[in-house]
Amino acid sequence: MKTPEEVKQEFAERGLSISGWAKNRGYSQALVYQVLNGSRKALRGESHKIAVELGLKAGKTGCYEDLSFHKAEVIQ
């Protein structure tokens, strides 16, 4: 895993902008900066996906159907 400073440094070394990365992936630029600056905990949803993609946290992204205990058919 990387620290936010390491992620920012990697963007700088490559001459790439964080906002450009956000736009390219369809994320809110503000949300990406919030994740990098620690004002979002990145526990779930888009902030979690952003943190995983940036290498800030270990984890998986996906949807409920990806869970091993998801039932394909719900009985009511």
PDB file of N, CA and C in Angstrom:
ATOM      1  N   MET A   1       0.834  -1.178   0.000  1.00  0.00           N
ATOM      2  CA  MET A   1       0.000   0.000   0.000  1.00  0.00           C
ATOM      3  C   MET A   1       0.882   1.247   0.000  1.00  0.00           C
ATOM      4  N   LYS A   2       0.310   2.319  -0.480  1.00  0.00           N
ATOM      5  CA  LYS A   2       1.037   3.578  -0.585  1.00  0.00           C
ATOM      6  C   LYS A   2       0.434   4.605   0.362  1.00  0.00           C
ATOM      7  N   THR A   3       1.231   5.579   0.710  1.00  0.00           N
ATOM      8  CA  THR A   3       0.722   6.712   1.479  1.00  0.00           C
ATOM      9  C   THR A   3       0.171   7.737   0.484  1.00  0.00           C
ATOM     10  N   PRO A   4      -0.696   8.633   0.950  1.00  0.00           N
ATOM     11  CA  PRO A   4      -1.176   9.685   0.050  1.00  0.00           C
ATOM     12  C   PRO A   4      -0.032  10.504  -0.544  1.00  0.00           C
ATOM     13  N   GLU A   5       1.006  10.730   0.240  1.00  0.00           N
ATOM     14  CA  GLU A   5       2.157  11.495  -0.255  1.00  0.00           C
ATOM     15  C   GLU A   5       2.861  10.753  -1.387  1.00  0.00           C
ATOM     16  N   GLU A   6       2.967   9.437  -1.263  1.00  0.00           N
ATOM     17  CA  GLU A   6       3.593   8.633  -2.323  1.00  0.00           C
ATOM     18  C   GLU A   6       2.766   8.674  -3.604  1.00  0.00           C
ATOM     19  N   VAL A   7       1.452   8.634  -3.456  1.00  0.00           N
ATOM     20  CA  VAL A   7       0.573   8.701  -4.632  1.00  0.00           C
ATOM     21  C   VAL A   7       0.735  10.052  -5.320  1.00  0.00           C
ATOM     22  N   LYS A   8       0.705  11.120  -4.536  1.00  0.00           N
ATOM     23  CA  LYS A   8       0.867  12.462  -5.101  1.00  0.00           C
ATOM     24  C   LYS A   8       2.225  12.607  -5.784  1.00  0.00           C
ATOM     25  N   GLN A   9       3.263  12.057  -5.162  1.00  0.00           N
ATOM     26  CA  GLN A   9       4.605  12.118  -5.734  1.00  0.00           C
ATOM     27  C   GLN A   9       4.665  11.373  -7.063  1.00  0.00           C
ATOM     28  N   GLU A  10       3.995  10.231  -7.131  1.00  0.00           N
ATOM     29  CA  GLU A  10       3.992   9.456  -8.379  1.00  0.00           C
ATOM     30  C   GLU A  10       3.335  10.239  -9.513  1.00  0.00           C
ATOM     31  N   PHE A  11       2.229  10.912  -9.206  1.00  0.00           N
ATOM     32  CA  PHE A  11       1.599  11.758 -10.225  1.00  0.00           C
ATOM     33  C   PHE A  11       2.570  12.848 -10.674  1.00  0.00           C
ATOM     34  N   ALA A  12       3.228  13.490  -9.715  1.00  0.00           N
ATOM     35  CA  ALA A  12       4.160  14.580 -10.032  1.00  0.00           C
ATOM     36  C   ALA A  12       5.330  14.082 -10.873  1.00  0.00           C
ATOM     37  N   GLU A  13       5.882  12.924 -10.520  1.00  0.00           N
ATOM     38  CA  GLU A  13       7.021  12.372 -11.260  1.00  0.00           C
ATOM     39  C   GLU A  13       6.664  12.051 -12.704  1.00  0.00           C
ATOM     40  N   ARG A  14       5.422  11.692 -12.934  1.00  0.00           N
ATOM     41  CA  ARG A  14       4.985  11.336 -14.285  1.00  0.00           C
ATOM     42  C   ARG A  14       4.407  12.528 -15.046  1.00  0.00           C
ATOM     43  N   GLY A  15       4.315  13.656 -14.368  1.00  0.00           N
ATOM     44  CA  GLY A  15       3.774  14.849 -15.006  1.00  0.00           C
ATOM     45  C   GLY A  15       2.287  14.756 -15.277  1.00  0.00           C
ATOM     46  N   LEU A  16       1.596  14.002 -14.443  1.00  0.00           N
ATOM     47  CA  LEU A  16       0.158  13.806 -14.606  1.00  0.00           C
ATOM     48  C   LEU A  16      -0.597  14.511 -13.492  1.00  0.00           C
ATOM     49  N   SER A  17      -1.818  14.938 -13.823  1.00  0.00           N
ATOM     50  CA  SER A  17      -2.623  15.612 -12.805  1.00  0.00           C
ATOM     51  C   SER A  17      -3.586  14.631 -12.146  1.00  0.00           C
ATOM     52  N   ILE A  18      -3.848  14.889 -10.895  1.00  0.00           N
ATOM     53  CA  ILE A  18      -4.806  14.075 -10.153  1.00  0.00           C
ATOM     54  C   ILE A  18      -6.202  14.303 -10.715  1.00  0.00           C
ATOM     55  N   SER A  19      -6.516  15.541 -11.061  1.00  0.00           N
ATOM     56  CA  SER A  19      -7.839  15.829 -11.616  1.00  0.00           C
ATOM     57  C   SER A  19      -8.027  15.140 -12.967  1.00  0.00           C
ATOM     58  N   GLY A  20      -6.965  15.043 -13.755  1.00  0.00           N
ATOM     59  CA  GLY A  20      -7.045  14.319 -15.029  1.00  0.00           C
ATOM     60  C   GLY A  20      -7.315  12.842 -14.818  1.00  0.00           C
ATOM     61  N   TRP A  21      -6.673  12.252 -13.802  1.00  0.00           N
ATOM     62  CA  TRP A  21      -6.906  10.842 -13.460  1.00  0.00           C
ATOM     63  C   TRP A  21      -8.362  10.648 -13.058  1.00  0.00           C
ATOM     64  N   ALA A  22      -8.877  11.576 -12.242  1.00  0.00           N
ATOM     65  CA  ALA A  22     -10.266  11.488 -11.791  1.00  0.00           C
ATOM     66  C   ALA A  22     -11.222  11.554 -12.981  1.00  0.00           C
ATOM     67  N   LYS A  23     -11.018  12.517 -13.864  1.00  0.00           N
ATOM     68  CA  LYS A  23     -11.877  12.658 -15.049  1.00  0.00           C
ATOM     69  C   LYS A  23     -11.820  11.413 -15.917  1.00  0.00           C
ATOM     70  N   ASN A  24     -10.618  10.881 -16.118  1.00  0.00           N
ATOM     71  CA  ASN A  24     -10.426   9.705 -16.957  1.00  0.00           C
ATOM     72  C   ASN A  24     -11.195   8.505 -16.439  1.00  0.00           C
ATOM     73  N   ARG A  25     -11.346   8.410 -15.132  1.00  0.00           N
ATOM     74  CA  ARG A  25     -12.035   7.269 -14.526  1.00  0.00           C
ATOM     75  C   ARG A  25     -13.489   7.565 -14.167  1.00  0.00           C
ATOM     76  N   GLY A  26     -13.932   8.787 -14.422  1.00  0.00           N
ATOM     77  CA  GLY A  26     -15.321   9.152 -14.156  1.00  0.00           C
ATOM     78  C   GLY A  26     -15.618   9.474 -12.701  1.00  0.00           C
ATOM     79  N   TYR A  27     -14.583   9.802 -11.936  1.00  0.00           N
ATOM     80  CA  TYR A  27     -14.763  10.152 -10.529  1.00  0.00           C
ATOM     81  C   TYR A  27     -14.823  11.664 -10.361  1.00  0.00           C
ATOM     82  N   SER A  28     -15.494  12.089  -9.322  1.00  0.00           N
ATOM     83  CA  SER A  28     -15.501  13.495  -8.955  1.00  0.00           C
ATOM     84  C   SER A  28     -14.089  13.890  -8.534  1.00  0.00           C
ATOM     85  N   GLN A  29     -13.601  14.988  -9.095  1.00  0.00           N
ATOM     86  CA  GLN A  29     -12.264  15.461  -8.731  1.00  0.00           C
ATOM     87  C   GLN A  29     -12.202  15.784  -7.243  1.00  0.00           C
ATOM     88  N   ALA A  30     -13.260  16.401  -6.740  1.00  0.00           N
ATOM     89  CA  ALA A  30     -13.299  16.765  -5.321  1.00  0.00           C
ATOM     90  C   ALA A  30     -13.217  15.526  -4.437  1.00  0.00           C
ATOM     91  N   LEU A  31     -13.921  14.457  -4.824  1.00  0.00           N
ATOM     92  CA  LEU A  31     -13.907  13.231  -4.026  1.00  0.00           C
ATOM     93  C   LEU A  31     -12.519  12.597  -4.013  1.00  0.00           C
ATOM     94  N   VAL A  32     -11.839  12.602  -5.140  1.00  0.00           N
ATOM     95  CA  VAL A  32     -10.484  12.044  -5.202  1.00  0.00           C
ATOM     96  C   VAL A  32      -9.558  12.829  -4.272  1.00  0.00           C
ATOM     97  N   TYR A  33      -9.648  14.151  -4.298  1.00  0.00           N
ATOM     98  CA  TYR A  33      -8.813  14.959  -3.409  1.00  0.00           C
ATOM     99  C   TYR A  33      -9.180  14.726  -1.943  1.00  0.00           C
ATOM    100  N   GLN A  34     -10.462  14.532  -1.651  1.00  0.00           N
ATOM    101  CA  GLN A  34     -10.881  14.252  -0.272  1.00  0.00           C
ATOM    102  C   GLN A  34     -10.302  12.932   0.216  1.00  0.00           C
ATOM    103  N   VAL A  35     -10.284  11.929  -0.645  1.00  0.00           N
ATOM    104  CA  VAL A  35      -9.694  10.638  -0.282  1.00  0.00           C
ATOM    105  C   VAL A  35      -8.195  10.810  -0.046  1.00  0.00           C
ATOM    106  N   LEU A  36      -7.520  11.504  -0.938  1.00  0.00           N
ATOM    107  CA  LEU A  36      -6.071  11.708  -0.802  1.00  0.00           C
ATOM    108  C   LEU A  36      -5.702  12.541   0.427  1.00  0.00           C
ATOM    109  N   ASN A  37      -6.562  13.484   0.778  1.00  0.00           N
ATOM    110  CA  ASN A  37      -6.263  14.354   1.916  1.00  0.00           C
ATOM    111  C   ASN A  37      -6.781  13.800   3.236  1.00  0.00           C
ATOM    112  N   GLY A  38      -7.471  12.658   3.188  1.00  0.00           N
ATOM    113  CA  GLY A  38      -7.923  12.010   4.411  1.00  0.00           C
ATOM    114  C   GLY A  38      -9.216  12.526   4.993  1.00  0.00           C
ATOM    115  N   SER A  39      -9.912  13.411   4.294  1.00  0.00           N
ATOM    116  CA  SER A  39     -11.187  13.902   4.822  1.00  0.00           C
ATOM    117  C   SER A  39     -12.338  12.944   4.523  1.00  0.00           C
ATOM    118  N   ARG A  40     -12.083  11.941   3.701  1.00  0.00           N
ATOM    119  CA  ARG A  40     -13.023  10.834   3.455  1.00  0.00           C
ATOM    120  C   ARG A  40     -12.365   9.556   3.923  1.00  0.00           C
ATOM    121  N   LYS A  41     -13.094   8.754   4.683  1.00  0.00           N
ATOM    122  CA  LYS A  41     -12.518   7.522   5.229  1.00  0.00           C
ATOM    123  C   LYS A  41     -12.386   6.414   4.196  1.00  0.00           C
ATOM    124  N   ALA A  42     -13.102   6.511   3.111  1.00  0.00           N
ATOM    125  CA  ALA A  42     -13.033   5.515   2.024  1.00  0.00           C
ATOM    126  C   ALA A  42     -13.419   4.119   2.506  1.00  0.00           C
ATOM    127  N   LEU A  43     -14.508   4.042   3.241  1.00  0.00           N
ATOM    128  CA  LEU A  43     -14.970   2.756   3.762  1.00  0.00           C
ATOM    129  C   LEU A  43     -15.824   1.987   2.763  1.00  0.00           C
ATOM    130  N   ARG A  44     -16.544   2.708   1.910  1.00  0.00           N
ATOM    131  CA  ARG A  44     -17.431   2.040   0.947  1.00  0.00           C
ATOM    132  C   ARG A  44     -17.711   2.980  -0.222  1.00  0.00           C
ATOM    133  N   GLY A  45     -18.362   2.435  -1.214  1.00  0.00           N
ATOM    134  CA  GLY A  45     -18.765   3.242  -2.358  1.00  0.00           C
ATOM    135  C   GLY A  45     -17.601   3.730  -3.201  1.00  0.00           C
ATOM    136  N   GLU A  46     -17.822   4.875  -3.844  1.00  0.00           N
ATOM    137  CA  GLU A  46     -16.807   5.408  -4.756  1.00  0.00           C
ATOM    138  C   GLU A  46     -15.507   5.750  -4.044  1.00  0.00           C
ATOM    139  N   SER A  47     -15.602   6.269  -2.830  1.00  0.00           N
ATOM    140  CA  SER A  47     -14.361   6.627  -2.128  1.00  0.00           C
ATOM    141  C   SER A  47     -13.513   5.386  -1.857  1.00  0.00           C
ATOM    142  N   HIS A  48     -14.153   4.256  -1.560  1.00  0.00           N
ATOM    143  CA  HIS A  48     -13.425   2.993  -1.376  1.00  0.00           C
ATOM    144  C   HIS A  48     -12.754   2.584  -2.686  1.00  0.00           C
ATOM    145  N   LYS A  49     -13.501   2.656  -3.782  1.00  0.00           N
ATOM    146  CA  LYS A  49     -12.944   2.291  -5.089  1.00  0.00           C
ATOM    147  C   LYS A  49     -11.739   3.164  -5.434  1.00  0.00           C
ATOM    148  N   ILE A  50     -11.858   4.441  -5.168  1.00  0.00           N
ATOM    149  CA  ILE A  50     -10.759   5.368  -5.450  1.00  0.00           C
ATOM    150  C   ILE A  50      -9.522   4.988  -4.641  1.00  0.00           C
ATOM    151  N   ALA A  51      -9.706   4.741  -3.357  1.00  0.00           N
ATOM    152  CA  ALA A  51      -8.574   4.387  -2.489  1.00  0.00           C
ATOM    153  C   ALA A  51      -7.905   3.097  -2.943  1.00  0.00           C
ATOM    154  N   VAL A  52      -8.698   2.116  -3.349  1.00  0.00           N
ATOM    155  CA  VAL A  52      -8.135   0.848  -3.825  1.00  0.00           C
ATOM    156  C   VAL A  52      -7.373   1.071  -5.126  1.00  0.00           C
ATOM    157  N   GLU A  53      -7.970   1.802  -6.066  1.00  0.00           N
ATOM    158  CA  GLU A  53      -7.318   2.037  -7.360  1.00  0.00           C
ATOM    159  C   GLU A  53      -6.022   2.836  -7.222  1.00  0.00           C
ATOM    160  N   LEU A  54      -5.981   3.741  -6.261  1.00  0.00           N
ATOM    161  CA  LEU A  54      -4.770   4.532  -6.046  1.00  0.00           C
ATOM    162  C   LEU A  54      -3.726   3.776  -5.233  1.00  0.00           C
ATOM    163  N   GLY A  55      -4.103   2.632  -4.693  1.00  0.00           N
ATOM    164  CA  GLY A  55      -3.166   1.843  -3.898  1.00  0.00           C
ATOM    165  C   GLY A  55      -3.057   2.297  -2.457  1.00  0.00           C
ATOM    166  N   LEU A  56      -4.026   3.097  -2.002  1.00  0.00           N
ATOM    167  CA  LEU A  56      -4.011   3.596  -0.632  1.00  0.00           C
ATOM    168  C   LEU A  56      -4.466   2.547   0.372  1.00  0.00           C
ATOM    169  N   LYS A  57      -5.259   1.601  -0.101  1.00  0.00           N
ATOM    170  CA  LYS A  57      -5.731   0.550   0.794  1.00  0.00           C
ATOM    171  C   LYS A  57      -5.864  -0.752   0.031  1.00  0.00           C
ATOM    172  N   ALA A  58      -5.694  -1.824   0.765  1.00  0.00           N
ATOM    173  CA  ALA A  58      -5.907  -3.140   0.174  1.00  0.00           C
ATOM    174  C   ALA A  58      -7.407  -3.372   0.141  1.00  0.00           C
ATOM    175  N   GLY A  59      -7.851  -4.100  -0.802  1.00  0.00           N
ATOM    176  CA  GLY A  59      -9.273  -4.382  -0.864  1.00  0.00           C
ATOM    177  C   GLY A  59      -9.692  -4.746  -2.255  1.00  0.00           C
ATOM    178  N   LYS A  60     -10.951  -4.987  -2.366  1.00  0.00           N
ATOM    179  CA  LYS A  60     -11.545  -5.343  -3.642  1.00  0.00           C
ATOM    180  C   LYS A  60     -12.665  -4.368  -3.933  1.00  0.00           C
ATOM    181  N   THR A  61     -12.950  -4.224  -5.201  1.00  0.00           N
ATOM    182  CA  THR A  61     -14.109  -3.442  -5.597  1.00  0.00           C
ATOM    183  C   THR A  61     -15.073  -4.384  -6.284  1.00  0.00           C
ATOM    184  N   GLY A  62     -16.305  -4.013  -6.314  1.00  0.00           N
ATOM    185  CA  GLY A  62     -17.297  -4.867  -6.955  1.00  0.00           C
ATOM    186  C   GLY A  62     -18.694  -4.455  -6.553  1.00  0.00           C
ATOM    187  N   CYS A  63     -19.586  -5.418  -6.643  1.00  0.00           N
ATOM    188  CA  CYS A  63     -20.973  -5.161  -6.300  1.00  0.00           C
ATOM    189  C   CYS A  63     -21.485  -6.289  -5.409  1.00  0.00           C
ATOM    190  N   TYR A  64     -22.696  -6.136  -4.922  1.00  0.00           N
ATOM    191  CA  TYR A  64     -23.259  -7.130  -4.010  1.00  0.00           C
ATOM    192  C   TYR A  64     -23.290  -8.525  -4.621  1.00  0.00           C
ATOM    193  N   GLU A  65     -23.515  -8.599  -5.923  1.00  0.00           N
ATOM    194  CA  GLU A  65     -23.582  -9.892  -6.594  1.00  0.00           C
ATOM    195  C   GLU A  65     -22.249 -10.633  -6.558  1.00  0.00           C
ATOM    196  N   ASP A  66     -21.161  -9.898  -6.337  1.00  0.00           N
ATOM    197  CA  ASP A  66     -19.833 -10.514  -6.275  1.00  0.00           C
ATOM    198  C   ASP A  66     -19.560 -11.220  -4.945  1.00  0.00           C
ATOM    199  N   LEU A  67     -20.371 -10.940  -3.944  1.00  0.00           N
ATOM    200  CA  LEU A  67     -20.150 -11.535  -2.624  1.00  0.00           C
ATOM    201  C   LEU A  67     -20.393 -13.032  -2.665  1.00  0.00           C
ATOM    202  N   SER A  68     -19.562 -13.771  -1.946  1.00  0.00           N
ATOM    203  CA  SER A  68     -19.651 -15.235  -1.981  1.00  0.00           C
ATOM    204  C   SER A  68     -20.962 -15.744  -1.409  1.00  0.00           C
ATOM    205  N   PHE A  69     -21.600 -14.969  -0.559  1.00  0.00           N
ATOM    206  CA  PHE A  69     -22.839 -15.432   0.065  1.00  0.00           C
ATOM    207  C   PHE A  69     -24.084 -14.838  -0.580  1.00  0.00           C
ATOM    208  N   HIS A  70     -23.927 -14.157  -1.706  1.00  0.00           N
ATOM    209  CA  HIS A  70     -25.067 -13.582  -2.425  1.00  0.00           C
ATOM    210  C   HIS A  70     -25.929 -14.699  -2.997  1.00  0.00           C
ATOM    211  N   LYS A  71     -27.223 -14.593  -2.810  1.00  0.00           N
ATOM    212  CA  LYS A  71     -28.150 -15.588  -3.360  1.00  0.00           C
ATOM    213  C   LYS A  71     -28.718 -15.052  -4.668  1.00  0.00           C
ATOM    214  N   ALA A  72     -28.645 -15.861  -5.682  1.00  0.00           N
ATOM    215  CA  ALA A  72     -29.128 -15.448  -7.003  1.00  0.00           C
ATOM    216  C   ALA A  72     -30.638 -15.268  -6.999  1.00  0.00           C
ATOM    217  N   GLU A  73     -31.328 -16.015  -6.172  1.00  0.00           N
ATOM    218  CA  GLU A  73     -32.785 -15.937  -6.140  1.00  0.00           C
ATOM    219  C   GLU A  73     -33.227 -15.623  -4.721  1.00  0.00           C
ATOM    220  N   VAL A  74     -34.021 -14.585  -4.585  1.00  0.00           N
ATOM    221  CA  VAL A  74     -34.533 -14.203  -3.273  1.00  0.00           C
ATOM    222  C   VAL A  74     -35.925 -14.789  -3.125  1.00  0.00           C
ATOM    223  N   ILE A  75     -36.148 -15.533  -2.054  1.00  0.00           N
ATOM    224  CA  ILE A  75     -37.455 -16.140  -1.789  1.00  0.00           C
ATOM    225  C   ILE A  75     -38.192 -15.254  -0.807  1.00  0.00           C
ATOM    226  N   GLN A  76     -39.411 -14.883  -1.173  1.00  0.00           N
ATOM    227  CA  GLN A  76     -40.204 -14.011  -0.294  1.00  0.00           C
ATOM    228  C   GLN A  76     -41.318 -14.763   0.346  1.00  0.00           C
TER     229      GLN A  76
END
